[in-house]
Structures are given as C-alpha cells and as structure tokens.
Amino acid sequence: MIDETFNKIEKRISGAEGLPDDSRKELAELLATLRGEVTELSKTHPEHSQSIAGFADITSLEATKSKQQPELLKPALQGLEASVVEFENDHPQMTQLVNRISLLLSNMGI
C-alpha cells in the first residue's frame, strides 16, 4: 500500500506543470527519501506509516493542482507534520524531511 501511494505521488509530481524543474527535482528527491523512511517505519508501526503516506499523498495533490487552494494545502501540511512528530526522536531524518518539504513548498509560494 505504501509503495502504491508513493508511486502515485511520484507520478503526480513528475506530471505537475506548475512546478519549476528544479523544485520538481528537489521535491521528488525528498519524497523518495521519505518513502524509504516510511517503508522502514512500516515494519514496526504500520498504521502510522500509512497515515504519513496518506498525508504525503494529500499534500502532493494540493501542492500540484493547477489552481492552488492554500486553505486546503495548509491543513494537509499540518497533518503531515503532525503525523511524524511522534517519531521525531527515533526517526529524526523523517521529521527533517517533512520540514524540508514544507519549507520547499512554502518557498515556492504554495
């Protein structure tokens, strides 16, 4: 299920016309790393890893829409951030990745 979700996210990002190429590349790299972290987490916390993948999916959907709706993206990002807080001590890289994704989207004006 996690692989399917991240495959969908990767496809969505690669086809997003509104993203600058450098941002698209960076976002794809961050999400690929997040995918590895979430896959690892799924071995011990399957429900939490599904939640993180789900929020990543919703966030990518909102971030790649041709007509941005900040009122929908903001709660999606907040959900993604909240879903990794519990694992900040055990999986600091995952928390850093989510923060970098949020910052990247923010810097893009999304």
N, C-alpha and C. Protein backbone atom coordinates (compact mmCIF):
# COMPACT_ATOMS: atom_id res chain seq x y z
N MET A 1 0.82 -1.19 0.00
CA MET A 1 0.00 0.00 0.00
C MET A 1 0.86 1.26 0.00
N ILE A 2 1.92 1.26 0.80
CA ILE A 2 2.80 2.43 0.85
C ILE A 2 3.47 2.65 -0.50
N ASP A 3 3.92 1.57 -1.13
CA ASP A 3 4.54 1.70 -2.45
C ASP A 3 3.56 2.28 -3.46
N GLU A 4 2.31 1.82 -3.42
CA GLU A 4 1.31 2.34 -4.35
C GLU A 4 1.08 3.83 -4.12
N THR A 5 1.03 4.23 -2.86
CA THR A 5 0.80 5.64 -2.54
C THR A 5 1.95 6.49 -3.04
N PHE A 6 3.18 6.06 -2.76
CA PHE A 6 4.33 6.85 -3.19
C PHE A 6 4.51 6.81 -4.71
N ASN A 7 4.14 5.72 -5.36
CA ASN A 7 4.16 5.69 -6.83
C ASN A 7 3.22 6.74 -7.40
N LYS A 8 2.04 6.84 -6.79
CA LYS A 8 1.04 7.83 -7.22
C LYS A 8 1.58 9.26 -7.01
N ILE A 9 2.22 9.48 -5.86
CA ILE A 9 2.78 10.79 -5.56
C ILE A 9 3.86 11.16 -6.57
N GLU A 10 4.77 10.21 -6.83
CA GLU A 10 5.85 10.47 -7.78
C GLU A 10 5.31 10.78 -9.17
N LYS A 11 4.31 10.04 -9.59
CA LYS A 11 3.70 10.29 -10.90
C LYS A 11 3.05 11.67 -10.94
N ARG A 12 2.37 12.04 -9.87
CA ARG A 12 1.71 13.33 -9.80
C ARG A 12 2.73 14.46 -9.89
N ILE A 13 3.83 14.33 -9.18
CA ILE A 13 4.85 15.38 -9.17
C ILE A 13 5.53 15.48 -10.54
N SER A 14 5.83 14.35 -11.14
CA SER A 14 6.51 14.39 -12.44
C SER A 14 5.63 15.01 -13.52
N GLY A 15 4.32 14.91 -13.35
CA GLY A 15 3.41 15.47 -14.35
C GLY A 15 2.87 16.85 -14.02
N ALA A 16 3.28 17.40 -12.88
CA ALA A 16 2.76 18.71 -12.46
C ALA A 16 3.37 19.81 -13.31
N GLU A 17 2.54 20.49 -14.06
CA GLU A 17 3.02 21.53 -14.97
C GLU A 17 3.40 22.82 -14.25
N GLY A 18 2.82 23.07 -13.10
CA GLY A 18 3.06 24.33 -12.41
C GLY A 18 4.34 24.37 -11.58
N LEU A 19 5.03 23.24 -11.46
CA LEU A 19 6.25 23.21 -10.66
C LEU A 19 7.47 23.52 -11.52
N PRO A 20 8.33 24.43 -11.05
CA PRO A 20 9.60 24.66 -11.76
C PRO A 20 10.43 23.37 -11.72
N ASP A 21 11.24 23.15 -12.75
CA ASP A 21 12.00 21.91 -12.85
C ASP A 21 12.90 21.66 -11.65
N ASP A 22 13.57 22.69 -11.16
CA ASP A 22 14.47 22.48 -10.02
C ASP A 22 13.68 22.12 -8.76
N SER A 23 12.54 22.74 -8.56
CA SER A 23 11.69 22.42 -7.41
C SER A 23 11.11 21.02 -7.55
N ARG A 24 10.72 20.66 -8.75
CA ARG A 24 10.17 19.33 -9.01
C ARG A 24 11.22 18.26 -8.66
N LYS A 25 12.46 18.51 -9.09
CA LYS A 25 13.54 17.56 -8.83
C LYS A 25 13.80 17.44 -7.33
N GLU A 26 13.90 18.57 -6.66
CA GLU A 26 14.16 18.54 -5.22
C GLU A 26 13.02 17.87 -4.46
N LEU A 27 11.81 18.19 -4.82
CA LEU A 27 10.65 17.58 -4.17
C LEU A 27 10.62 16.07 -4.41
N ALA A 28 10.93 15.66 -5.61
CA ALA A 28 10.96 14.23 -5.93
C ALA A 28 12.03 13.52 -5.11
N GLU A 29 13.18 14.15 -4.95
CA GLU A 29 14.27 13.55 -4.16
C GLU A 29 13.88 13.44 -2.69
N LEU A 30 13.27 14.51 -2.16
CA LEU A 30 12.85 14.49 -0.76
C LEU A 30 11.80 13.41 -0.52
N LEU A 31 10.86 13.30 -1.45
CA LEU A 31 9.81 12.29 -1.30
C LEU A 31 10.35 10.87 -1.46
N ALA A 32 11.35 10.69 -2.30
CA ALA A 32 11.97 9.36 -2.44
C ALA A 32 12.64 8.96 -1.13
N THR A 33 13.30 9.90 -0.49
CA THR A 33 13.93 9.62 0.79
C THR A 33 12.87 9.37 1.86
N LEU A 34 11.80 10.17 1.84
CA LEU A 34 10.71 9.97 2.79
C LEU A 34 10.09 8.60 2.59
N ARG A 35 9.98 8.18 1.36
CA ARG A 35 9.43 6.85 1.05
C ARG A 35 10.25 5.77 1.77
N GLY A 36 11.56 5.88 1.70
CA GLY A 36 12.42 4.90 2.37
C GLY A 36 12.22 4.91 3.88
N GLU A 37 12.11 6.10 4.45
CA GLU A 37 11.89 6.23 5.89
C GLU A 37 10.54 5.63 6.29
N VAL A 38 9.51 5.93 5.52
CA VAL A 38 8.18 5.42 5.84
C VAL A 38 8.12 3.91 5.66
N THR A 39 8.78 3.40 4.65
CA THR A 39 8.83 1.95 4.43
C THR A 39 9.50 1.27 5.61
N GLU A 40 10.59 1.85 6.10
CA GLU A 40 11.27 1.30 7.27
C GLU A 40 10.36 1.35 8.50
N LEU A 41 9.68 2.47 8.68
CA LEU A 41 8.78 2.63 9.81
C LEU A 41 7.63 1.63 9.76
N SER A 42 7.21 1.26 8.57
CA SER A 42 6.07 0.35 8.42
C SER A 42 6.33 -1.03 9.02
N LYS A 43 7.60 -1.36 9.21
CA LYS A 43 7.94 -2.66 9.79
C LYS A 43 7.55 -2.73 11.26
N THR A 44 7.56 -1.59 11.93
CA THR A 44 7.25 -1.57 13.36
C THR A 44 5.95 -0.82 13.67
N HIS A 45 5.56 0.10 12.81
CA HIS A 45 4.38 0.93 13.04
C HIS A 45 3.57 1.06 11.74
N PRO A 46 2.92 -0.02 11.32
CA PRO A 46 2.24 0.01 10.02
C PRO A 46 1.13 1.06 9.91
N GLU A 47 0.35 1.24 10.97
CA GLU A 47 -0.74 2.22 10.88
C GLU A 47 -0.20 3.64 10.78
N HIS A 48 0.83 3.94 11.54
CA HIS A 48 1.41 5.28 11.50
C HIS A 48 2.06 5.55 10.14
N SER A 49 2.70 4.54 9.59
CA SER A 49 3.34 4.75 8.28
C SER A 49 2.28 4.99 7.21
N GLN A 50 1.14 4.33 7.31
CA GLN A 50 0.05 4.57 6.36
C GLN A 50 -0.48 6.00 6.50
N SER A 51 -0.56 6.47 7.73
CA SER A 51 -1.02 7.84 7.98
C SER A 51 -0.07 8.85 7.35
N ILE A 52 1.22 8.65 7.54
CA ILE A 52 2.21 9.56 6.97
C ILE A 52 2.12 9.54 5.44
N ALA A 53 2.03 8.34 4.87
CA ALA A 53 1.92 8.22 3.41
C ALA A 53 0.65 8.90 2.91
N GLY A 54 -0.44 8.74 3.66
CA GLY A 54 -1.71 9.37 3.27
C GLY A 54 -1.63 10.88 3.28
N PHE A 55 -1.04 11.43 4.32
CA PHE A 55 -0.89 12.89 4.38
C PHE A 55 0.07 13.39 3.30
N ALA A 56 1.11 12.61 3.00
CA ALA A 56 2.02 12.99 1.91
C ALA A 56 1.26 13.01 0.58
N ASP A 57 0.37 12.05 0.40
CA ASP A 57 -0.44 11.98 -0.82
C ASP A 57 -1.35 13.20 -0.93
N ILE A 58 -2.05 13.52 0.14
CA ILE A 58 -2.96 14.67 0.13
C ILE A 58 -2.18 15.96 -0.10
N THR A 59 -1.04 16.08 0.56
CA THR A 59 -0.21 17.28 0.42
C THR A 59 0.26 17.43 -1.03
N SER A 60 0.72 16.33 -1.62
CA SER A 60 1.19 16.41 -3.01
C SER A 60 0.05 16.75 -3.95
N LEU A 61 -1.14 16.22 -3.69
CA LEU A 61 -2.30 16.54 -4.52
C LEU A 61 -2.58 18.04 -4.48
N GLU A 62 -2.61 18.60 -3.28
CA GLU A 62 -2.91 20.03 -3.14
C GLU A 62 -1.78 20.89 -3.70
N ALA A 63 -0.55 20.46 -3.54
CA ALA A 63 0.60 21.25 -3.99
C ALA A 63 0.76 21.26 -5.50
N THR A 64 0.24 20.26 -6.18
CA THR A 64 0.43 20.17 -7.62
C THR A 64 -0.80 20.56 -8.44
N LYS A 65 -1.84 21.01 -7.78
CA LYS A 65 -3.02 21.47 -8.52
C LYS A 65 -2.67 22.68 -9.36
N SER A 66 -3.29 22.78 -10.52
CA SER A 66 -3.03 23.93 -11.37
C SER A 66 -3.56 25.21 -10.73
N LYS A 67 -4.65 25.11 -10.00
CA LYS A 67 -5.17 26.26 -9.27
C LYS A 67 -5.02 25.97 -7.78
N GLN A 68 -4.04 26.63 -7.17
CA GLN A 68 -3.73 26.41 -5.76
C GLN A 68 -4.86 26.86 -4.85
N GLN A 69 -5.08 26.09 -3.80
CA GLN A 69 -6.04 26.44 -2.77
C GLN A 69 -5.32 26.34 -1.42
N PRO A 70 -4.70 27.45 -0.99
CA PRO A 70 -3.93 27.42 0.26
C PRO A 70 -4.74 26.94 1.46
N GLU A 71 -6.03 27.19 1.45
CA GLU A 71 -6.87 26.77 2.57
C GLU A 71 -6.98 25.24 2.65
N LEU A 72 -6.66 24.53 1.58
CA LEU A 72 -6.64 23.07 1.59
C LEU A 72 -5.23 22.53 1.80
N LEU A 73 -4.23 23.24 1.26
CA LEU A 73 -2.86 22.78 1.42
C LEU A 73 -2.38 22.91 2.85
N LYS A 74 -2.72 24.00 3.49
CA LYS A 74 -2.24 24.24 4.85
C LYS A 74 -2.62 23.11 5.81
N PRO A 75 -3.88 22.69 5.87
CA PRO A 75 -4.21 21.58 6.78
C PRO A 75 -3.55 20.26 6.37
N ALA A 76 -3.35 20.06 5.08
CA ALA A 76 -2.68 18.84 4.63
C ALA A 76 -1.24 18.81 5.13
N LEU A 77 -0.55 19.95 5.01
CA LEU A 77 0.82 20.04 5.52
C LEU A 77 0.85 19.89 7.04
N GLN A 78 -0.10 20.49 7.72
CA GLN A 78 -0.15 20.37 9.17
C GLN A 78 -0.38 18.91 9.58
N GLY A 79 -1.22 18.21 8.84
CA GLY A 79 -1.45 16.80 9.12
C GLY A 79 -0.20 15.97 8.89
N LEU A 80 0.52 16.27 7.82
CA LEU A 80 1.77 15.55 7.53
C LEU A 80 2.78 15.80 8.64
N GLU A 81 2.92 17.06 9.04
CA GLU A 81 3.86 17.40 10.10
C GLU A 81 3.46 16.72 11.41
N ALA A 82 2.19 16.74 11.74
CA ALA A 82 1.71 16.13 12.99
C ALA A 82 1.90 14.61 12.97
N SER A 83 1.81 14.00 11.80
CA SER A 83 1.91 12.55 11.72
C SER A 83 3.32 12.04 11.99
N VAL A 84 4.34 12.90 11.88
CA VAL A 84 5.71 12.45 12.14
C VAL A 84 6.25 12.91 13.49
N VAL A 85 5.55 13.80 14.18
CA VAL A 85 6.04 14.34 15.45
C VAL A 85 6.36 13.22 16.45
N GLU A 86 5.50 12.24 16.52
CA GLU A 86 5.68 11.14 17.47
C GLU A 86 7.00 10.40 17.26
N PHE A 87 7.52 10.44 16.05
CA PHE A 87 8.72 9.67 15.71
C PHE A 87 9.97 10.54 15.62
N GLU A 88 9.88 11.76 16.09
CA GLU A 88 10.99 12.70 15.96
C GLU A 88 12.27 12.18 16.62
N ASN A 89 12.15 11.54 17.77
CA ASN A 89 13.35 11.04 18.45
C ASN A 89 13.91 9.79 17.79
N ASP A 90 13.06 8.88 17.38
CA ASP A 90 13.51 7.62 16.79
C ASP A 90 13.84 7.73 15.30
N HIS A 91 13.20 8.66 14.62
CA HIS A 91 13.38 8.83 13.17
C HIS A 91 13.56 10.32 12.85
N PRO A 92 14.66 10.92 13.31
CA PRO A 92 14.83 12.36 13.11
C PRO A 92 14.91 12.76 11.64
N GLN A 93 15.44 11.88 10.80
CA GLN A 93 15.55 12.22 9.38
C GLN A 93 14.16 12.38 8.75
N MET A 94 13.21 11.55 9.18
CA MET A 94 11.86 11.65 8.63
C MET A 94 11.25 13.01 8.98
N THR A 95 11.43 13.43 10.22
CA THR A 95 10.91 14.73 10.64
C THR A 95 11.58 15.85 9.86
N GLN A 96 12.89 15.75 9.67
CA GLN A 96 13.61 16.76 8.90
C GLN A 96 13.13 16.79 7.46
N LEU A 97 12.87 15.63 6.88
CA LEU A 97 12.37 15.57 5.50
C LEU A 97 11.03 16.28 5.36
N VAL A 98 10.14 16.01 6.29
CA VAL A 98 8.82 16.64 6.23
C VAL A 98 8.97 18.15 6.39
N ASN A 99 9.85 18.58 7.28
CA ASN A 99 10.08 20.02 7.44
C ASN A 99 10.67 20.63 6.17
N ARG A 100 11.57 19.92 5.51
CA ARG A 100 12.16 20.42 4.26
C ARG A 100 11.12 20.49 3.15
N ILE A 101 10.24 19.50 3.09
CA ILE A 101 9.17 19.51 2.10
C ILE A 101 8.27 20.72 2.33
N SER A 102 7.89 20.94 3.59
CA SER A 102 7.05 22.09 3.93
C SER A 102 7.72 23.40 3.55
N LEU A 103 9.01 23.51 3.87
CA LEU A 103 9.76 24.72 3.55
C LEU A 103 9.87 24.93 2.05
N LEU A 104 10.12 23.87 1.31
CA LEU A 104 10.22 23.96 -0.14
C LEU A 104 8.91 24.47 -0.74
N LEU A 105 7.81 23.89 -0.30
CA LEU A 105 6.51 24.32 -0.82
C LEU A 105 6.22 25.77 -0.42
N SER A 106 6.59 26.12 0.79
CA SER A 106 6.40 27.50 1.24
C SER A 106 7.23 28.47 0.40
N ASN A 107 8.48 28.12 0.14
CA ASN A 107 9.37 28.98 -0.66
C ASN A 107 8.89 29.11 -2.11
N MET A 108 8.13 28.12 -2.55
CA MET A 108 7.58 28.19 -3.91
C MET A 108 6.31 29.02 -3.95
N GLY A 109 5.88 29.47 -2.78
CA GLY A 109 4.67 30.27 -2.71
C GLY A 109 3.41 29.44 -2.66
N ILE A 110 3.58 28.18 -2.34
CA ILE A 110 2.42 27.29 -2.28
C ILE A 110 1.93 27.23 -0.85
